[in-house]
Amino acid sequence: MVEVMREPMTISELSLRLHRNRSSITKDVGLLERLGLIVSQRQANPGHGIQKLVRSVAPKIEMVATLG
């Protein structure tokens, strides 16, 4: 989810930008939140109920793999 590294986005915005369905994005967001890589907060979406805004907890994330 490099997209939220640049700027906070809603689930709907991520779905459109990544060309994936909302259900898949919601599952990914849940997993990344449990891992502590992103956070989300609910906010009012005037006239449309509530939306979830997703943002990164760090400006950069590095992954290292050790084989063998």
C-alpha atoms as a PDB file:
ATOM      1  CA  MET A   1       0.000   0.000   0.000  1.00  0.00           C
ATOM      2  CA  VAL A   2       2.547   2.474  -1.150  1.00  0.00           C
ATOM      3  CA  GLU A   3      -0.379   4.744  -1.989  1.00  0.00           C
ATOM      4  CA  VAL A   4      -0.978   5.725   1.662  1.00  0.00           C
ATOM      5  CA  MET A   5       2.712   6.448   2.159  1.00  0.00           C
ATOM      6  CA  ARG A   6       2.208   9.578   0.034  1.00  0.00           C
ATOM      7  CA  GLU A   7      -1.085  10.795   1.506  1.00  0.00           C
ATOM      8  CA  PRO A   8      -3.964   9.477   3.639  1.00  0.00           C
ATOM      9  CA  MET A   9      -6.719   7.895   1.551  1.00  0.00           C
ATOM     10  CA  THR A  10     -10.130   6.383   2.081  1.00  0.00           C
ATOM     11  CA  ILE A  11     -10.954   2.760   1.315  1.00  0.00           C
ATOM     12  CA  SER A  12     -12.952   3.956  -1.721  1.00  0.00           C
ATOM     13  CA  GLU A  13     -10.047   6.037  -3.026  1.00  0.00           C
ATOM     14  CA  LEU A  14      -7.664   3.101  -2.609  1.00  0.00           C
ATOM     15  CA  SER A  15     -10.122   0.810  -4.389  1.00  0.00           C
ATOM     16  CA  LEU A  16     -10.328   3.153  -7.377  1.00  0.00           C
ATOM     17  CA  ARG A  17      -6.614   3.885  -7.557  1.00  0.00           C
ATOM     18  CA  LEU A  18      -5.544   0.237  -7.210  1.00  0.00           C
ATOM     19  CA  HIS A  19      -8.338  -1.164  -9.412  1.00  0.00           C
ATOM     20  CA  ARG A  20      -9.379  -3.649  -6.692  1.00  0.00           C
ATOM     21  CA  ASN A  21     -12.708  -4.229  -4.986  1.00  0.00           C
ATOM     22  CA  ARG A  22     -13.461  -2.597  -1.638  1.00  0.00           C
ATOM     23  CA  SER A  23     -13.681  -5.949   0.141  1.00  0.00           C
ATOM     24  CA  SER A  24     -10.103  -6.851  -0.773  1.00  0.00           C
ATOM     25  CA  ILE A  25      -8.820  -3.419   0.221  1.00  0.00           C
ATOM     26  CA  THR A  26     -10.657  -3.656   3.568  1.00  0.00           C
ATOM     27  CA  LYS A  27      -9.053  -7.051   4.288  1.00  0.00           C
ATOM     28  CA  ASP A  28      -5.592  -5.739   3.364  1.00  0.00           C
ATOM     29  CA  VAL A  29      -6.064  -2.658   5.552  1.00  0.00           C
ATOM     30  CA  GLY A  30      -7.089  -4.863   8.491  1.00  0.00           C
ATOM     31  CA  LEU A  31      -3.977  -7.035   8.120  1.00  0.00           C
ATOM     32  CA  LEU A  32      -1.625  -4.065   7.745  1.00  0.00           C
ATOM     33  CA  GLU A  33      -3.202  -2.425  10.808  1.00  0.00           C
ATOM     34  CA  ARG A  34      -2.673  -5.583  12.887  1.00  0.00           C
ATOM     35  CA  LEU A  35       0.980  -5.569  11.776  1.00  0.00           C
ATOM     36  CA  GLY A  36       1.295  -1.921  12.864  1.00  0.00           C
ATOM     37  CA  LEU A  37       2.204  -0.608   9.402  1.00  0.00           C
ATOM     38  CA  ILE A  38      -0.839   1.619   8.909  1.00  0.00           C
ATOM     39  CA  VAL A  39      -3.602   3.152  11.017  1.00  0.00           C
ATOM     40  CA  SER A  40      -7.130   4.086  10.098  1.00  0.00           C
ATOM     41  CA  GLN A  41      -9.782   6.296  11.581  1.00  0.00           C
ATOM     42  CA  ARG A  42     -13.458   6.699  10.875  1.00  0.00           C
ATOM     43  CA  GLN A  43     -14.641  10.114   9.781  1.00  0.00           C
ATOM     44  CA  ALA A  44     -17.925  11.616   8.672  1.00  0.00           C
ATOM     45  CA  ASN A  45     -18.597  11.659   4.952  1.00  0.00           C
ATOM     46  CA  PRO A  46     -21.271  14.379   4.680  1.00  0.00           C
ATOM     47  CA  GLY A  47     -24.426  13.006   3.116  1.00  0.00           C
ATOM     48  CA  HIS A  48     -22.953   9.512   2.799  1.00  0.00           C
ATOM     49  CA  GLY A  49     -22.404   8.218   6.349  1.00  0.00           C
ATOM     50  CA  ILE A  50     -18.973   7.239   7.642  1.00  0.00           C
ATOM     51  CA  GLN A  51     -15.746   6.510   5.757  1.00  0.00           C
ATOM     52  CA  LYS A  52     -12.425   5.053   6.876  1.00  0.00           C
ATOM     53  CA  LEU A  53      -9.303   7.163   6.294  1.00  0.00           C
ATOM     54  CA  VAL A  54      -6.082   5.140   6.071  1.00  0.00           C
ATOM     55  CA  ARG A  55      -2.580   6.514   6.634  1.00  0.00           C
ATOM     56  CA  SER A  56       0.920   5.167   7.078  1.00  0.00           C
ATOM     57  CA  VAL A  57       2.603   5.233  10.478  1.00  0.00           C
ATOM     58  CA  ALA A  58       6.047   5.865   8.968  1.00  0.00           C
ATOM     59  CA  PRO A  59       7.343   7.841   5.988  1.00  0.00           C
ATOM     60  CA  LYS A  60       9.312   4.784   4.817  1.00  0.00           C
ATOM     61  CA  ILE A  61       9.051   1.029   5.396  1.00  0.00           C
ATOM     62  CA  GLU A  62      11.883  -1.344   4.597  1.00  0.00           C
ATOM     63  CA  MET A  63      11.582  -5.113   4.448  1.00  0.00           C
ATOM     64  CA  VAL A  64      14.599  -7.381   4.833  1.00  0.00           C
ATOM     65  CA  ALA A  65      14.643 -11.102   4.110  1.00  0.00           C
ATOM     66  CA  THR A  66      17.329 -13.453   5.393  1.00  0.00           C
ATOM     67  CA  LEU A  67      17.590 -16.731   3.525  1.00  0.00           C
ATOM     68  CA  GLY A  68      19.356 -19.871   4.565  1.00  0.00           C
END
